[in-house]
Amino acid sequence: MQQATKRWTGRGIALAVAAGAALTMGTIGTAQAATPGVFKLCSKGSYDSYATFPERGGFSTFVVRSGECQDFNYGGNGPERVDIVNADSDGVIGSVTYDGRAGLNIATIDGPSFYPF
């Protein structure tokens, strides 16, 4: 009797852990791999953002509104600096390296800050 109770308890715990893991994975989502030649910018913070490419003479993306994502097919065959800008204040949040051979996905967040994904 005690053996059967342990088995049922063990199964219950395993089921609870599996359900929790499935729920967590479902809410987190999967990471999206960058596409070669594409610079993706997502404004996930409460402000609009854009990116400038200083090594391309100050070339920039258009403004990506808060809550939106945009893909920019900019190509490129080597690493170059990209400045991420808070469009509401025109302040540079920071810089990152974009390599067109690999592509890059960037999400801006409140802080203001950003992260690659």
N, C-alpha and C. Protein backbone atom coordinates (compact mmCIF):
# COMPACT_ATOMS: atom_id res chain seq x y z
N MET A 1 0.83 -1.18 0.00
CA MET A 1 0.00 0.00 0.00
C MET A 1 0.88 1.26 0.00
N GLN A 2 1.87 1.26 0.87
CA GLN A 2 2.75 2.41 0.96
C GLN A 2 3.54 2.58 -0.35
N GLN A 3 3.91 1.50 -1.00
CA GLN A 3 4.63 1.53 -2.28
C GLN A 3 3.76 2.20 -3.35
N ALA A 4 2.48 1.85 -3.42
CA ALA A 4 1.57 2.42 -4.40
C ALA A 4 1.39 3.92 -4.17
N THR A 5 1.30 4.34 -2.93
CA THR A 5 1.14 5.75 -2.60
C THR A 5 2.37 6.54 -3.05
N LYS A 6 3.56 6.00 -2.85
CA LYS A 6 4.79 6.67 -3.28
C LYS A 6 4.81 6.81 -4.81
N ARG A 7 4.36 5.75 -5.50
CA ARG A 7 4.34 5.80 -6.96
C ARG A 7 3.39 6.90 -7.45
N TRP A 8 2.20 6.97 -6.87
CA TRP A 8 1.22 7.99 -7.27
C TRP A 8 1.73 9.39 -6.95
N THR A 9 2.35 9.53 -5.81
CA THR A 9 2.91 10.83 -5.42
C THR A 9 4.01 11.23 -6.40
N GLY A 10 4.87 10.31 -6.72
CA GLY A 10 5.95 10.57 -7.68
C GLY A 10 5.41 10.96 -9.04
N ARG A 11 4.38 10.28 -9.51
CA ARG A 11 3.76 10.61 -10.80
C ARG A 11 3.11 11.99 -10.75
N GLY A 12 2.48 12.29 -9.62
CA GLY A 12 1.84 13.61 -9.47
C GLY A 12 2.85 14.73 -9.53
N ILE A 13 3.98 14.53 -8.86
CA ILE A 13 5.03 15.55 -8.88
C ILE A 13 5.59 15.69 -10.28
N ALA A 14 5.86 14.57 -10.94
CA ALA A 14 6.38 14.61 -12.31
C ALA A 14 5.41 15.32 -13.24
N LEU A 15 4.13 15.06 -13.11
CA LEU A 15 3.12 15.70 -13.95
C LEU A 15 3.08 17.21 -13.68
N ALA A 16 3.16 17.60 -12.42
CA ALA A 16 3.15 19.02 -12.06
C ALA A 16 4.37 19.73 -12.63
N VAL A 17 5.52 19.11 -12.55
CA VAL A 17 6.75 19.70 -13.09
C VAL A 17 6.64 19.84 -14.60
N ALA A 18 6.15 18.81 -15.27
CA ALA A 18 6.00 18.85 -16.73
C ALA A 18 5.02 19.94 -17.15
N ALA A 19 3.91 20.08 -16.43
CA ALA A 19 2.92 21.10 -16.75
C ALA A 19 3.51 22.50 -16.54
N GLY A 20 4.26 22.67 -15.47
CA GLY A 20 4.90 23.95 -15.21
C GLY A 20 5.92 24.31 -16.28
N ALA A 21 6.69 23.33 -16.70
CA ALA A 21 7.69 23.57 -17.76
C ALA A 21 7.00 23.94 -19.06
N ALA A 22 5.92 23.25 -19.40
CA ALA A 22 5.19 23.55 -20.64
C ALA A 22 4.60 24.95 -20.59
N LEU A 23 4.05 25.33 -19.45
CA LEU A 23 3.49 26.66 -19.30
C LEU A 23 4.57 27.72 -19.42
N THR A 24 5.70 27.50 -18.79
CA THR A 24 6.80 28.45 -18.87
C THR A 24 7.30 28.60 -20.30
N MET A 25 7.52 27.52 -20.99
CA MET A 25 8.00 27.57 -22.37
C MET A 25 6.98 28.25 -23.28
N GLY A 26 5.72 28.03 -23.01
CA GLY A 26 4.68 28.65 -23.83
C GLY A 26 4.61 30.15 -23.66
N THR A 27 4.88 30.65 -22.47
CA THR A 27 4.82 32.08 -22.24
C THR A 27 6.11 32.79 -22.59
N ILE A 28 7.24 32.10 -22.50
CA ILE A 28 8.51 32.74 -22.84
C ILE A 28 8.65 32.87 -24.35
N GLY A 29 8.24 31.88 -25.09
CA GLY A 29 8.42 31.90 -26.53
C GLY A 29 9.80 31.38 -26.89
N THR A 30 10.02 31.23 -28.16
CA THR A 30 11.31 30.73 -28.61
C THR A 30 12.15 31.88 -29.13
N ALA A 31 13.44 31.74 -29.02
CA ALA A 31 14.34 32.75 -29.54
C ALA A 31 14.30 32.70 -31.06
N GLN A 32 14.36 33.87 -31.66
CA GLN A 32 14.31 33.94 -33.10
C GLN A 32 15.72 34.19 -33.61
N ALA A 33 16.18 33.32 -34.47
CA ALA A 33 17.52 33.48 -35.03
C ALA A 33 17.53 34.64 -36.01
N ALA A 34 18.64 35.37 -36.04
CA ALA A 34 18.80 36.46 -36.99
C ALA A 34 18.92 35.90 -38.39
N THR A 35 18.49 36.69 -39.36
CA THR A 35 18.56 36.31 -40.78
C THR A 35 19.73 37.04 -41.42
N PRO A 36 20.63 36.35 -42.11
CA PRO A 36 21.74 37.04 -42.77
C PRO A 36 21.24 38.18 -43.67
N GLY A 37 21.91 39.32 -43.57
CA GLY A 37 21.57 40.47 -44.38
C GLY A 37 20.44 41.33 -43.82
N VAL A 38 19.86 40.91 -42.70
CA VAL A 38 18.71 41.63 -42.15
C VAL A 38 19.04 42.19 -40.76
N PHE A 39 18.74 43.48 -40.59
CA PHE A 39 18.80 44.13 -39.28
C PHE A 39 17.36 44.30 -38.83
N LYS A 40 16.99 43.66 -37.72
CA LYS A 40 15.62 43.73 -37.19
C LYS A 40 15.63 44.58 -35.94
N LEU A 41 14.73 45.55 -35.87
CA LEU A 41 14.63 46.42 -34.71
C LEU A 41 13.22 46.35 -34.16
N CYS A 42 13.10 46.01 -32.88
CA CYS A 42 11.81 45.94 -32.18
C CYS A 42 11.82 46.96 -31.05
N SER A 43 10.84 47.85 -31.04
CA SER A 43 10.70 48.83 -29.96
C SER A 43 9.76 48.25 -28.92
N LYS A 44 10.32 47.56 -27.94
CA LYS A 44 9.50 46.91 -26.92
C LYS A 44 9.33 47.78 -25.68
N GLY A 45 10.03 48.90 -25.63
CA GLY A 45 9.89 49.82 -24.51
C GLY A 45 8.74 50.77 -24.75
N SER A 46 8.62 51.77 -23.90
CA SER A 46 7.52 52.74 -24.01
C SER A 46 7.93 53.95 -24.86
N TYR A 47 8.89 53.77 -25.74
CA TYR A 47 9.37 54.85 -26.59
C TYR A 47 9.66 54.32 -28.00
N ASP A 48 9.66 55.22 -28.97
CA ASP A 48 10.02 54.86 -30.34
C ASP A 48 11.54 54.81 -30.44
N SER A 49 12.05 54.05 -31.40
CA SER A 49 13.50 53.94 -31.54
C SER A 49 13.89 53.83 -33.01
N TYR A 50 15.18 54.06 -33.26
CA TYR A 50 15.75 53.85 -34.59
C TYR A 50 17.23 53.54 -34.43
N ALA A 51 17.87 53.18 -35.52
CA ALA A 51 19.29 52.84 -35.49
C ALA A 51 20.02 53.62 -36.57
N THR A 52 21.26 54.02 -36.26
CA THR A 52 22.10 54.68 -37.25
C THR A 52 23.33 53.83 -37.51
N PHE A 53 23.85 53.92 -38.72
CA PHE A 53 25.03 53.17 -39.15
C PHE A 53 26.13 54.18 -39.48
N PRO A 54 26.94 54.57 -38.49
CA PRO A 54 27.96 55.60 -38.70
C PRO A 54 28.95 55.29 -39.83
N GLU A 55 29.27 54.01 -40.01
CA GLU A 55 30.24 53.64 -41.04
C GLU A 55 29.63 53.67 -42.43
N ARG A 56 28.34 53.96 -42.51
CA ARG A 56 27.67 54.13 -43.80
C ARG A 56 27.27 55.59 -43.98
N GLY A 57 28.06 56.46 -43.39
CA GLY A 57 27.82 57.90 -43.52
C GLY A 57 26.62 58.41 -42.74
N GLY A 58 26.28 57.74 -41.65
CA GLY A 58 25.16 58.18 -40.83
C GLY A 58 23.82 57.66 -41.31
N PHE A 59 23.83 56.75 -42.26
CA PHE A 59 22.61 56.11 -42.75
C PHE A 59 21.82 55.58 -41.56
N SER A 60 20.48 55.66 -41.61
CA SER A 60 19.70 55.17 -40.48
C SER A 60 18.42 54.48 -40.93
N THR A 61 17.85 53.73 -40.00
CA THR A 61 16.54 53.12 -40.23
C THR A 61 15.50 54.22 -40.07
N PHE A 62 14.28 53.93 -40.44
CA PHE A 62 13.22 54.86 -40.08
C PHE A 62 12.81 54.57 -38.65
N VAL A 63 12.01 55.41 -38.06
CA VAL A 63 11.60 55.26 -36.66
C VAL A 63 10.64 54.07 -36.54
N VAL A 64 10.95 53.20 -35.57
CA VAL A 64 10.09 52.06 -35.27
C VAL A 64 9.27 52.44 -34.04
N ARG A 65 7.97 52.47 -34.20
CA ARG A 65 7.06 52.88 -33.13
C ARG A 65 7.06 51.88 -31.98
N SER A 66 6.78 52.36 -30.79
CA SER A 66 6.70 51.52 -29.61
C SER A 66 5.71 50.38 -29.84
N GLY A 67 6.14 49.15 -29.53
CA GLY A 67 5.29 47.98 -29.70
C GLY A 67 5.39 47.33 -31.07
N GLU A 68 6.21 47.88 -31.96
CA GLU A 68 6.34 47.34 -33.31
C GLU A 68 7.74 46.82 -33.59
N CYS A 69 7.85 45.96 -34.60
CA CYS A 69 9.14 45.45 -35.10
C CYS A 69 9.22 45.72 -36.60
N GLN A 70 10.41 45.98 -37.08
CA GLN A 70 10.63 46.17 -38.51
C GLN A 70 11.91 45.46 -38.93
N ASP A 71 11.87 44.85 -40.11
CA ASP A 71 13.05 44.24 -40.71
C ASP A 71 13.61 45.20 -41.76
N PHE A 72 14.93 45.34 -41.76
CA PHE A 72 15.61 46.18 -42.73
C PHE A 72 16.63 45.31 -43.46
N ASN A 73 16.48 45.17 -44.74
CA ASN A 73 17.38 44.35 -45.56
C ASN A 73 18.58 45.20 -45.96
N TYR A 74 19.58 45.26 -45.08
CA TYR A 74 20.73 46.13 -45.28
C TYR A 74 21.98 45.40 -45.76
N GLY A 75 21.93 44.08 -45.86
CA GLY A 75 23.09 43.35 -46.35
C GLY A 75 24.32 43.62 -45.52
N GLY A 76 25.46 43.67 -46.21
CA GLY A 76 26.73 43.90 -45.53
C GLY A 76 27.56 42.63 -45.53
N ASN A 77 28.87 42.81 -45.55
CA ASN A 77 29.77 41.65 -45.60
C ASN A 77 30.85 41.69 -44.53
N GLY A 78 30.59 42.42 -43.45
CA GLY A 78 31.55 42.47 -42.36
C GLY A 78 30.97 43.22 -41.18
N PRO A 79 31.68 43.21 -40.06
CA PRO A 79 31.17 43.89 -38.87
C PRO A 79 31.22 45.41 -39.00
N GLU A 80 30.21 46.06 -38.45
CA GLU A 80 30.16 47.52 -38.43
C GLU A 80 29.36 47.98 -37.21
N ARG A 81 29.66 49.17 -36.75
CA ARG A 81 28.98 49.72 -35.57
C ARG A 81 27.58 50.21 -35.94
N VAL A 82 26.66 49.98 -35.00
CA VAL A 82 25.29 50.50 -35.12
C VAL A 82 24.96 51.18 -33.80
N ASP A 83 24.45 52.41 -33.88
CA ASP A 83 24.02 53.13 -32.69
C ASP A 83 22.50 52.98 -32.57
N ILE A 84 22.04 52.58 -31.39
CA ILE A 84 20.62 52.43 -31.12
C ILE A 84 20.16 53.72 -30.44
N VAL A 85 19.09 54.33 -30.97
CA VAL A 85 18.69 55.67 -30.54
C VAL A 85 17.25 55.69 -30.03
N ASN A 86 17.03 56.39 -28.91
CA ASN A 86 15.70 56.67 -28.40
C ASN A 86 15.15 57.82 -29.24
N ALA A 87 14.16 57.56 -30.09
CA ALA A 87 13.65 58.58 -31.01
C ALA A 87 12.92 59.69 -30.28
N ASP A 88 12.41 59.43 -29.09
CA ASP A 88 11.69 60.46 -28.34
C ASP A 88 12.62 61.54 -27.80
N SER A 89 13.88 61.19 -27.55
CA SER A 89 14.81 62.18 -27.01
C SER A 89 16.03 62.37 -27.91
N ASP A 90 16.12 61.59 -29.00
CA ASP A 90 17.29 61.57 -29.89
C ASP A 90 18.58 61.26 -29.15
N GLY A 91 18.47 60.56 -28.03
CA GLY A 91 19.64 60.16 -27.27
C GLY A 91 20.09 58.76 -27.65
N VAL A 92 21.39 58.61 -27.86
CA VAL A 92 21.93 57.29 -28.17
C VAL A 92 21.88 56.43 -26.92
N ILE A 93 21.24 55.27 -27.03
CA ILE A 93 21.14 54.34 -25.91
C ILE A 93 22.44 53.57 -25.76
N GLY A 94 23.03 53.20 -26.88
CA GLY A 94 24.27 52.45 -26.88
C GLY A 94 24.60 51.98 -28.28
N SER A 95 25.68 51.25 -28.40
CA SER A 95 26.15 50.75 -29.69
C SER A 95 26.27 49.25 -29.66
N VAL A 96 26.18 48.66 -30.84
CA VAL A 96 26.28 47.21 -31.01
C VAL A 96 26.94 46.97 -32.36
N THR A 97 27.45 45.78 -32.57
CA THR A 97 28.07 45.45 -33.85
C THR A 97 27.11 44.62 -34.70
N TYR A 98 26.88 45.08 -35.92
CA TYR A 98 26.06 44.37 -36.89
C TYR A 98 26.98 43.79 -37.95
N ASP A 99 26.80 42.53 -38.26
CA ASP A 99 27.54 41.88 -39.34
C ASP A 99 26.51 41.31 -40.31
N GLY A 100 26.48 41.87 -41.50
CA GLY A 100 25.50 41.45 -42.49
C GLY A 100 25.55 39.98 -42.84
N ARG A 101 26.71 39.35 -42.64
CA ARG A 101 26.82 37.91 -42.94
C ARG A 101 25.97 37.08 -41.98
N ALA A 102 25.68 37.62 -40.79
CA ALA A 102 24.90 36.89 -39.79
C ALA A 102 23.54 37.52 -39.53
N GLY A 103 23.41 38.83 -39.76
CA GLY A 103 22.19 39.56 -39.41
C GLY A 103 22.18 39.87 -37.92
N LEU A 104 21.18 40.64 -37.48
CA LEU A 104 21.09 41.01 -36.08
C LEU A 104 19.67 41.41 -35.73
N ASN A 105 19.18 40.93 -34.60
CA ASN A 105 17.89 41.31 -34.05
C ASN A 105 18.13 42.10 -32.76
N ILE A 106 17.52 43.28 -32.66
CA ILE A 106 17.66 44.13 -31.48
C ILE A 106 16.27 44.49 -30.95
N ALA A 107 16.11 44.44 -29.63
CA ALA A 107 14.88 44.88 -28.98
C ALA A 107 15.24 45.99 -28.00
N THR A 108 14.57 47.14 -28.12
CA THR A 108 14.75 48.20 -27.14
C THR A 108 13.74 47.99 -26.02
N ILE A 109 14.13 48.34 -24.81
CA ILE A 109 13.27 48.18 -23.64
C ILE A 109 13.39 49.42 -22.76
N ASP A 110 12.45 49.53 -21.81
CA ASP A 110 12.50 50.67 -20.90
C ASP A 110 13.79 50.65 -20.11
N GLY A 111 14.23 51.82 -19.77
CA GLY A 111 15.49 52.00 -19.06
C GLY A 111 16.10 53.34 -19.39
N PRO A 112 16.27 53.74 -20.64
CA PRO A 112 16.17 52.94 -21.85
C PRO A 112 17.39 52.03 -22.03
N SER A 113 17.16 50.91 -22.65
CA SER A 113 18.22 49.95 -22.90
C SER A 113 17.83 49.11 -24.11
N PHE A 114 18.65 48.13 -24.44
CA PHE A 114 18.33 47.22 -25.54
C PHE A 114 19.07 45.91 -25.34
N TYR A 115 18.65 44.90 -26.08
CA TYR A 115 19.33 43.61 -26.04
C TYR A 115 19.17 42.91 -27.39
N PRO A 116 20.16 42.10 -27.77
CA PRO A 116 20.03 41.31 -28.99
C PRO A 116 19.22 40.05 -28.69
N PHE A 117 18.49 39.59 -29.67
CA PHE A 117 17.73 38.35 -29.49
C PHE A 117 17.79 37.51 -30.75
